C-alpha cells in the first residue's frame, strides 16, 4: 500500500480526529493489526493562522510541509482541513506525489447518496470566499451557506470553542441545521470544518450528515490500497 502523508495541525484537534478515523476505518477494512503506513507533519497553528502575509505565507508553510512529507517517503498526501484547500492546486504543483482533495471526496460521497441540495458549514473564510461552493456546484450540487451573521457565530464557535474541544454550542449548531432543512429544503449537511464532527453526529439532526474528515480519510485509505 502507498504510504500516506497528512499535513496536520490546522487545528491539532482535527488532526487527532483524522488519526482516530484512520484507525477505525483500517480496523474495518483490513486484517487484525494491519494499518497503512502513515506520516503526519503537524504545523505550528499559530504561525499558520496568524501569518502576517496571509495566504501567501500560509501557502509556503503548507508547501514546505508537503515537501518534507515527500522526502520522508509519503506517496500520497492530504490536508487535514477544508479551508487550506484554497491553495490545494498550488501545493500539488510543488510536489511530485499525488494529493487527494477533500472537496472531491465529499462531492463523490454526496452524489453516491443521490442528493442534490446541501448545507455547507465551514469557517467564514471558506463559506464566504466561494472556492468550495463553486467546486461543489461544478460537480452538479446545489449548495446553501448560512447568512453573514450565522457565519460569524459559527466561525467563533469553531476557533474559540471546538478548537479546544468545548461543545457548549452544540445545540446552536443543531438548531441552525434543522432550520435550513425546514426553510431551505436542504437534504444533507456538510460538516466542512473538520472540528464540527466533534459536536454534530449522525442522528443528531433529521437530514443526512456528511463528515468531511471521515469521508476524506476513507478515500485516502481506498486510494492507498489501490497500489497493492
C-alpha atoms as a PDB file:
ATOM      1  CA  UNK A   1       0.000   0.000   0.000  1.00  0.00           C
ATOM      2  CA  UNK A   2       1.069   3.557  -0.568  1.00  0.00           C
ATOM      3  CA  UNK A   3       2.412   5.446   2.417  1.00  0.00           C
ATOM      4  CA  UNK A   4       0.013   8.257   3.386  1.00  0.00           C
ATOM      5  CA  UNK A   5       1.272  11.682   4.436  1.00  0.00           C
ATOM      6  CA  UNK A   6      -1.003  14.069   6.345  1.00  0.00           C
ATOM      7  CA  UNK A   7      -0.407  17.794   6.771  1.00  0.00           C
ATOM      8  CA  UNK A   8      -1.965  18.423  10.158  1.00  0.00           C
ATOM      9  CA  UNK A   9      -2.126  20.970  12.934  1.00  0.00           C
ATOM     10  CA  UNK A  10      -4.982  23.033  11.419  1.00  0.00           C
ATOM     11  CA  UNK A  11      -6.140  22.628  14.227  1.00  0.00           C
ATOM     12  CA  UNK A  12      -4.457  19.861  16.260  1.00  0.00           C
ATOM     13  CA  UNK A  13      -7.918  18.620  17.341  1.00  0.00           C
ATOM     14  CA  UNK A  14      -8.950  17.955  13.760  1.00  0.00           C
ATOM     15  CA  UNK A  15      -5.686  16.086  13.137  1.00  0.00           C
ATOM     16  CA  UNK A  16      -6.364  13.865  16.148  1.00  0.00           C
ATOM     17  CA  UNK A  17      -9.829  13.204  14.729  1.00  0.00           C
ATOM     18  CA  UNK A  18      -8.282  12.188  11.395  1.00  0.00           C
ATOM     19  CA  UNK A  19      -5.996   9.732  13.168  1.00  0.00           C
ATOM     20  CA  UNK A  20      -8.847   8.225  15.180  1.00  0.00           C
ATOM     21  CA  UNK A  21     -10.873   7.750  11.976  1.00  0.00           C
ATOM     22  CA  UNK A  22      -7.827   6.262  10.241  1.00  0.00           C
ATOM     23  CA  UNK A  23      -7.588   3.623  12.988  1.00  0.00           C
ATOM     24  CA  UNK A  24     -11.352   2.993  12.997  1.00  0.00           C
ATOM     25  CA  UNK A  25     -11.645   2.589   9.219  1.00  0.00           C
ATOM     26  CA  UNK A  26      -8.484   0.477   8.939  1.00  0.00           C
ATOM     27  CA  UNK A  27      -9.795  -1.952  11.567  1.00  0.00           C
ATOM     28  CA  UNK A  28     -12.937  -2.475   9.498  1.00  0.00           C
ATOM     29  CA  UNK A  29     -11.148  -2.775   6.155  1.00  0.00           C
ATOM     30  CA  UNK A  30      -8.003  -4.778   6.862  1.00  0.00           C
ATOM     31  CA  UNK A  31      -6.820  -7.808   8.789  1.00  0.00           C
ATOM     32  CA  UNK A  32      -6.221  -7.593  12.540  1.00  0.00           C
ATOM     33  CA  UNK A  33      -3.351  -5.221  13.450  1.00  0.00           C
ATOM     34  CA  UNK A  34      -2.971  -4.095   9.821  1.00  0.00           C
ATOM     35  CA  UNK A  35      -2.826  -0.368   9.034  1.00  0.00           C
ATOM     36  CA  UNK A  36      -1.435   1.571   6.061  1.00  0.00           C
ATOM     37  CA  UNK A  37       1.794   3.374   6.880  1.00  0.00           C
ATOM     38  CA  UNK A  38       1.093   6.950   7.909  1.00  0.00           C
ATOM     39  CA  UNK A  39       3.207  10.087   8.317  1.00  0.00           C
ATOM     40  CA  UNK A  40       1.904  13.256   9.986  1.00  0.00           C
ATOM     41  CA  UNK A  41       3.502  16.685   9.698  1.00  0.00           C
ATOM     42  CA  UNK A  42       1.804  18.886  12.285  1.00  0.00           C
ATOM     43  CA  UNK A  43       2.445  22.556  11.542  1.00  0.00           C
ATOM     44  CA  UNK A  44       2.541  25.320  14.155  1.00  0.00           C
ATOM     45  CA  UNK A  45      -1.052  26.548  14.025  1.00  0.00           C
ATOM     46  CA  UNK A  46      -0.210  29.981  15.430  1.00  0.00           C
ATOM     47  CA  UNK A  47       2.329  30.600  12.646  1.00  0.00           C
ATOM     48  CA  UNK A  48      -0.259  29.463  10.110  1.00  0.00           C
ATOM     49  CA  UNK A  49      -3.395  31.142  11.482  1.00  0.00           C
ATOM     50  CA  UNK A  50      -1.783  34.479  12.371  1.00  0.00           C
ATOM     51  CA  UNK A  51       0.610  34.642   9.420  1.00  0.00           C
ATOM     52  CA  UNK A  52       1.314  38.319   8.593  1.00  0.00           C
ATOM     53  CA  UNK A  53       1.487  37.533   4.877  1.00  0.00           C
ATOM     54  CA  UNK A  54      -1.962  35.939   4.794  1.00  0.00           C
ATOM     55  CA  UNK A  55      -2.471  33.122   2.344  1.00  0.00           C
ATOM     56  CA  UNK A  56       0.883  33.634   0.627  1.00  0.00           C
ATOM     57  CA  UNK A  57       2.650  32.922   3.899  1.00  0.00           C
ATOM     58  CA  UNK A  58       0.313  30.063   4.757  1.00  0.00           C
ATOM     59  CA  UNK A  59       0.852  28.548   1.340  1.00  0.00           C
ATOM     60  CA  UNK A  60       4.621  28.468   1.878  1.00  0.00           C
ATOM     61  CA  UNK A  61       4.141  26.705   5.219  1.00  0.00           C
ATOM     62  CA  UNK A  62       1.957  24.046   3.577  1.00  0.00           C
ATOM     63  CA  UNK A  63       4.312  23.593   0.623  1.00  0.00           C
ATOM     64  CA  UNK A  64       7.260  23.119   2.990  1.00  0.00           C
ATOM     65  CA  UNK A  65       5.241  20.552   4.953  1.00  0.00           C
ATOM     66  CA  UNK A  66       4.270  18.686   1.775  1.00  0.00           C
ATOM     67  CA  UNK A  67       7.878  18.608   0.586  1.00  0.00           C
ATOM     68  CA  UNK A  68       9.021  17.324   3.978  1.00  0.00           C
ATOM     69  CA  UNK A  69       6.459  14.509   3.809  1.00  0.00           C
ATOM     70  CA  UNK A  70       7.571  13.663   0.284  1.00  0.00           C
ATOM     71  CA  UNK A  71      11.221  13.499   1.383  1.00  0.00           C
ATOM     72  CA  UNK A  72      10.168  11.249   4.265  1.00  0.00           C
ATOM     73  CA  UNK A  73       8.638   8.764   1.826  1.00  0.00           C
ATOM     74  CA  UNK A  74       4.985   9.747   1.591  1.00  0.00           C
ATOM     75  CA  UNK A  75       3.451   8.529  -1.659  1.00  0.00           C
ATOM     76  CA  UNK A  76       0.053  10.166  -1.148  1.00  0.00           C
ATOM     77  CA  UNK A  77      -0.517  13.499   0.618  1.00  0.00           C
ATOM     78  CA  UNK A  78      -3.580  15.234   2.058  1.00  0.00           C
ATOM     79  CA  UNK A  79      -4.502  18.344   4.035  1.00  0.00           C
ATOM     80  CA  UNK A  80      -6.380  17.588   7.268  1.00  0.00           C
ATOM     81  CA  UNK A  81      -8.630  20.647   6.951  1.00  0.00           C
ATOM     82  CA  UNK A  82     -11.018  22.061   4.365  1.00  0.00           C
ATOM     83  CA  UNK A  83     -10.112  25.763   4.311  1.00  0.00           C
ATOM     84  CA  UNK A  84      -6.453  25.249   3.261  1.00  0.00           C
ATOM     85  CA  UNK A  85      -7.770  23.637   0.072  1.00  0.00           C
ATOM     86  CA  UNK A  86      -7.935  27.212  -1.193  1.00  0.00           C
ATOM     87  CA  UNK A  87      -4.247  26.670  -2.116  1.00  0.00           C
ATOM     88  CA  UNK A  88      -4.532  22.924  -2.878  1.00  0.00           C
ATOM     89  CA  UNK A  89      -3.553  23.292  -6.564  1.00  0.00           C
ATOM     90  CA  UNK A  90      -0.548  25.464  -5.691  1.00  0.00           C
ATOM     91  CA  UNK A  91       0.763  22.824  -3.282  1.00  0.00           C
ATOM     92  CA  UNK A  92       0.214  19.995  -5.763  1.00  0.00           C
ATOM     93  CA  UNK A  93       2.310  21.828  -8.371  1.00  0.00           C
ATOM     94  CA  UNK A  94       5.296  21.884  -5.995  1.00  0.00           C
ATOM     95  CA  UNK A  95       5.461  18.134  -5.276  1.00  0.00           C
ATOM     96  CA  UNK A  96       5.671  15.051  -7.450  1.00  0.00           C
ATOM     97  CA  UNK A  97       3.401  12.736  -5.427  1.00  0.00           C
ATOM     98  CA  UNK A  98      -0.408  12.934  -5.814  1.00  0.00           C
ATOM     99  CA  UNK A  99      -2.683  14.697  -3.355  1.00  0.00           C
ATOM    100  CA  UNK A 100      -6.260  13.695  -2.516  1.00  0.00           C
ATOM    101  CA  UNK A 101      -8.767  16.561  -2.303  1.00  0.00           C
ATOM    102  CA  UNK A 102     -11.318  16.601   0.489  1.00  0.00           C
ATOM    103  CA  UNK A 103     -13.722  18.554  -1.757  1.00  0.00           C
ATOM    104  CA  UNK A 104     -13.661  15.898  -4.481  1.00  0.00           C
ATOM    105  CA  UNK A 105     -14.133  13.131  -1.917  1.00  0.00           C
ATOM    106  CA  UNK A 106     -17.104  14.904  -0.290  1.00  0.00           C
ATOM    107  CA  UNK A 107     -18.807  15.626  -3.620  1.00  0.00           C
ATOM    108  CA  UNK A 108     -18.428  11.989  -4.682  1.00  0.00           C
ATOM    109  CA  UNK A 109     -19.957  10.789  -1.409  1.00  0.00           C
ATOM    110  CA  UNK A 110     -22.955  13.153  -1.605  1.00  0.00           C
ATOM    111  CA  UNK A 111     -23.717  12.198  -5.192  1.00  0.00           C
ATOM    112  CA  UNK A 112     -23.484   8.494  -4.290  1.00  0.00           C
ATOM    113  CA  UNK A 113     -26.415   9.111  -1.905  1.00  0.00           C
ATOM    114  CA  UNK A 114     -28.467  10.605  -4.731  1.00  0.00           C
ATOM    115  CA  UNK A 115     -28.692  14.022  -3.052  1.00  0.00           C
ATOM    116  CA  UNK A 116     -28.514  17.382  -4.809  1.00  0.00           C
ATOM    117  CA  UNK A 117     -29.072  20.198  -2.275  1.00  0.00           C
ATOM    118  CA  UNK A 118     -26.813  20.511   0.757  1.00  0.00           C
ATOM    119  CA  UNK A 119     -25.928  22.972   3.513  1.00  0.00           C
ATOM    120  CA  UNK A 120     -22.233  23.798   3.884  1.00  0.00           C
ATOM    121  CA  UNK A 121     -20.968  24.559   7.385  1.00  0.00           C
ATOM    122  CA  UNK A 122     -17.382  25.757   7.485  1.00  0.00           C
ATOM    123  CA  UNK A 123     -15.091  28.547   8.614  1.00  0.00           C
ATOM    124  CA  UNK A 124     -16.166  32.007   7.471  1.00  0.00           C
ATOM    125  CA  UNK A 125     -13.224  32.108   5.051  1.00  0.00           C
ATOM    126  CA  UNK A 126     -14.454  29.029   3.244  1.00  0.00           C
ATOM    127  CA  UNK A 127     -18.164  29.890   3.316  1.00  0.00           C
ATOM    128  CA  UNK A 128     -17.637  33.444   2.052  1.00  0.00           C
ATOM    129  CA  UNK A 129     -14.783  33.010  -0.441  1.00  0.00           C
ATOM    130  CA  UNK A 130     -16.732  30.799  -2.834  1.00  0.00           C
ATOM    131  CA  UNK A 131     -13.952  28.390  -3.835  1.00  0.00           C
ATOM    132  CA  UNK A 132     -15.544  25.428  -2.016  1.00  0.00           C
ATOM    133  CA  UNK A 133     -19.108  26.250  -3.090  1.00  0.00           C
ATOM    134  CA  UNK A 134     -18.068  26.690  -6.721  1.00  0.00           C
ATOM    135  CA  UNK A 135     -16.148  23.414  -6.709  1.00  0.00           C
ATOM    136  CA  UNK A 136     -19.251  21.586  -5.446  1.00  0.00           C
ATOM    137  CA  UNK A 137     -21.507  23.366  -7.943  1.00  0.00           C
ATOM    138  CA  UNK A 138     -19.189  22.224 -10.736  1.00  0.00           C
ATOM    139  CA  UNK A 139     -19.909  18.675  -9.567  1.00  0.00           C
ATOM    140  CA  UNK A 140     -23.654  19.276 -10.041  1.00  0.00           C
ATOM    141  CA  UNK A 141     -24.623  20.093  -6.458  1.00  0.00           C
ATOM    142  CA  UNK A 142     -26.789  22.947  -5.156  1.00  0.00           C
ATOM    143  CA  UNK A 143     -25.077  24.471  -2.117  1.00  0.00           C
ATOM    144  CA  UNK A 144     -26.578  26.672   0.604  1.00  0.00           C
ATOM    145  CA  UNK A 145     -24.454  28.603   3.122  1.00  0.00           C
ATOM    146  CA  UNK A 146     -25.606  30.361   6.326  1.00  0.00           C
ATOM    147  CA  UNK A 147     -26.172  34.121   6.310  1.00  0.00           C
ATOM    148  CA  UNK A 148     -23.389  36.517   7.306  1.00  0.00           C
ATOM    149  CA  UNK A 149     -24.389  36.771  10.961  1.00  0.00           C
ATOM    150  CA  UNK A 150     -24.590  32.979  11.281  1.00  0.00           C
ATOM    151  CA  UNK A 151     -21.230  32.619   9.554  1.00  0.00           C
ATOM    152  CA  UNK A 152     -19.652  34.948  12.118  1.00  0.00           C
ATOM    153  CA  UNK A 153     -21.071  32.979  15.043  1.00  0.00           C
ATOM    154  CA  UNK A 154     -20.146  29.601  13.562  1.00  0.00           C
ATOM    155  CA  UNK A 155     -16.621  30.846  12.916  1.00  0.00           C
ATOM    156  CA  UNK A 156     -16.367  31.990  16.536  1.00  0.00           C
ATOM    157  CA  UNK A 157     -17.592  28.620  17.797  1.00  0.00           C
ATOM    158  CA  UNK A 158     -15.067  26.750  15.641  1.00  0.00           C
ATOM    159  CA  UNK A 159     -11.997  28.729  16.725  1.00  0.00           C
ATOM    160  CA  UNK A 160     -12.903  29.693  20.285  1.00  0.00           C
ATOM    161  CA  UNK A 161     -14.737  26.537  21.376  1.00  0.00           C
ATOM    162  CA  UNK A 162     -14.407  23.455  19.160  1.00  0.00           C
ATOM    163  CA  UNK A 163     -10.685  24.055  18.629  1.00  0.00           C
ATOM    164  CA  UNK A 164     -10.379  23.412  22.372  1.00  0.00           C
ATOM    165  CA  UNK A 165     -12.946  20.558  22.420  1.00  0.00           C
ATOM    166  CA  UNK A 166     -15.562  22.799  24.071  1.00  0.00           C
ATOM    167  CA  UNK A 167     -19.008  21.581  22.948  1.00  0.00           C
ATOM    168  CA  UNK A 168     -21.213  24.119  24.728  1.00  0.00           C
ATOM    169  CA  UNK A 169     -22.648  25.450  21.422  1.00  0.00           C
ATOM    170  CA  UNK A 170     -23.674  22.023  20.110  1.00  0.00           C
ATOM    171  CA  UNK A 171     -27.402  22.898  20.374  1.00  0.00           C
ATOM    172  CA  UNK A 172     -26.926  26.151  18.438  1.00  0.00           C
ATOM    173  CA  UNK A 173     -25.331  24.241  15.533  1.00  0.00           C
ATOM    174  CA  UNK A 174     -28.055  21.579  15.535  1.00  0.00           C
ATOM    175  CA  UNK A 175     -30.804  24.231  15.551  1.00  0.00           C
ATOM    176  CA  UNK A 176     -29.086  26.001  12.643  1.00  0.00           C
ATOM    177  CA  UNK A 177     -29.038  22.799  10.581  1.00  0.00           C
ATOM    178  CA  UNK A 178     -32.672  21.981  11.328  1.00  0.00           C
ATOM    179  CA  UNK A 179     -33.787  25.494  10.385  1.00  0.00           C
ATOM    180  CA  UNK A 180     -32.140  25.243   6.956  1.00  0.00           C
ATOM    181  CA  UNK A 181     -33.601  21.778   6.458  1.00  0.00           C
ATOM    182  CA  UNK A 182     -37.072  23.139   7.149  1.00  0.00           C
ATOM    183  CA  UNK A 183     -36.841  26.548   5.452  1.00  0.00           C
ATOM    184  CA  UNK A 184     -34.472  25.841   2.535  1.00  0.00           C
ATOM    185  CA  UNK A 185     -35.150  22.161   1.925  1.00  0.00           C
ATOM    186  CA  UNK A 186     -31.539  21.036   2.185  1.00  0.00           C
ATOM    187  CA  UNK A 187     -31.217  17.245   2.059  1.00  0.00           C
ATOM    188  CA  UNK A 188     -27.895  16.974   3.818  1.00  0.00           C
ATOM    189  CA  UNK A 189     -25.289  18.973   5.703  1.00  0.00           C
ATOM    190  CA  UNK A 190     -21.558  19.033   5.022  1.00  0.00           C
ATOM    191  CA  UNK A 191     -19.540  19.323   8.208  1.00  0.00           C
ATOM    192  CA  UNK A 192     -16.865  21.093   6.204  1.00  0.00           C
ATOM    193  CA  UNK A 193     -14.734  22.298   9.060  1.00  0.00           C
ATOM    194  CA  UNK A 194     -13.033  19.219  10.456  1.00  0.00           C
ATOM    195  CA  UNK A 195     -13.748  20.347  14.032  1.00  0.00           C
ATOM    196  CA  UNK A 196     -17.528  20.238  13.510  1.00  0.00           C
ATOM    197  CA  UNK A 197     -17.889  16.424  13.803  1.00  0.00           C
ATOM    198  CA  UNK A 198     -16.721  16.827  17.377  1.00  0.00           C
ATOM    199  CA  UNK A 199     -20.109  18.466  18.055  1.00  0.00           C
ATOM    200  CA  UNK A 200     -22.536  17.027  15.478  1.00  0.00           C
ATOM    201  CA  UNK A 201     -23.014  13.312  14.817  1.00  0.00           C
ATOM    202  CA  UNK A 202     -25.302  11.301  12.568  1.00  0.00           C
ATOM    203  CA  UNK A 203     -28.659  11.060  14.286  1.00  0.00           C
ATOM    204  CA  UNK A 204     -28.340  14.483  15.936  1.00  0.00           C
ATOM    205  CA  UNK A 205     -30.283  16.037  13.044  1.00  0.00           C
ATOM    206  CA  UNK A 206     -33.088  14.946  10.725  1.00  0.00           C
ATOM    207  CA  UNK A 207     -31.052  15.122   7.491  1.00  0.00           C
ATOM    208  CA  UNK A 208     -28.021  13.268   6.151  1.00  0.00           C
ATOM    209  CA  UNK A 209     -24.715  14.264   7.775  1.00  0.00           C
ATOM    210  CA  UNK A 210     -21.544  14.289   5.693  1.00  0.00           C
ATOM    211  CA  UNK A 211     -18.477  14.239   7.913  1.00  0.00           C
ATOM    212  CA  UNK A 212     -15.812  15.618   5.576  1.00  0.00           C
ATOM    213  CA  UNK A 213     -12.895  14.333   7.671  1.00  0.00           C
ATOM    214  CA  UNK A 214     -14.256  10.782   7.811  1.00  0.00           C
ATOM    215  CA  UNK A 215     -15.051  10.802   4.094  1.00  0.00           C
ATOM    216  CA  UNK A 216     -11.577  12.130   3.315  1.00  0.00           C
ATOM    217  CA  UNK A 217      -9.618   9.575   5.336  1.00  0.00           C
ATOM    218  CA  UNK A 218     -11.779   6.773   3.926  1.00  0.00           C
ATOM    219  CA  UNK A 219     -10.909   7.958   0.414  1.00  0.00           C
ATOM    220  CA  UNK A 220      -7.214   8.196   1.301  1.00  0.00           C
ATOM    221  CA  UNK A 221      -7.161   4.618   2.555  1.00  0.00           C
ATOM    222  CA  UNK A 222      -9.043   3.485  -0.540  1.00  0.00           C
ATOM    223  CA  UNK A 223      -6.545   5.185  -2.880  1.00  0.00           C
ATOM    224  CA  UNK A 224      -3.566   3.889  -0.866  1.00  0.00           C
ATOM    225  CA  UNK A 225      -4.954   0.357  -1.070  1.00  0.00           C
ATOM    226  CA  UNK A 226      -5.248   0.509  -4.860  1.00  0.00           C
ATOM    227  CA  UNK A 227      -1.470   0.261  -5.108  1.00  0.00           C
ATOM    228  CA  UNK A 228      -1.483  -3.308  -3.784  1.00  0.00           C
END
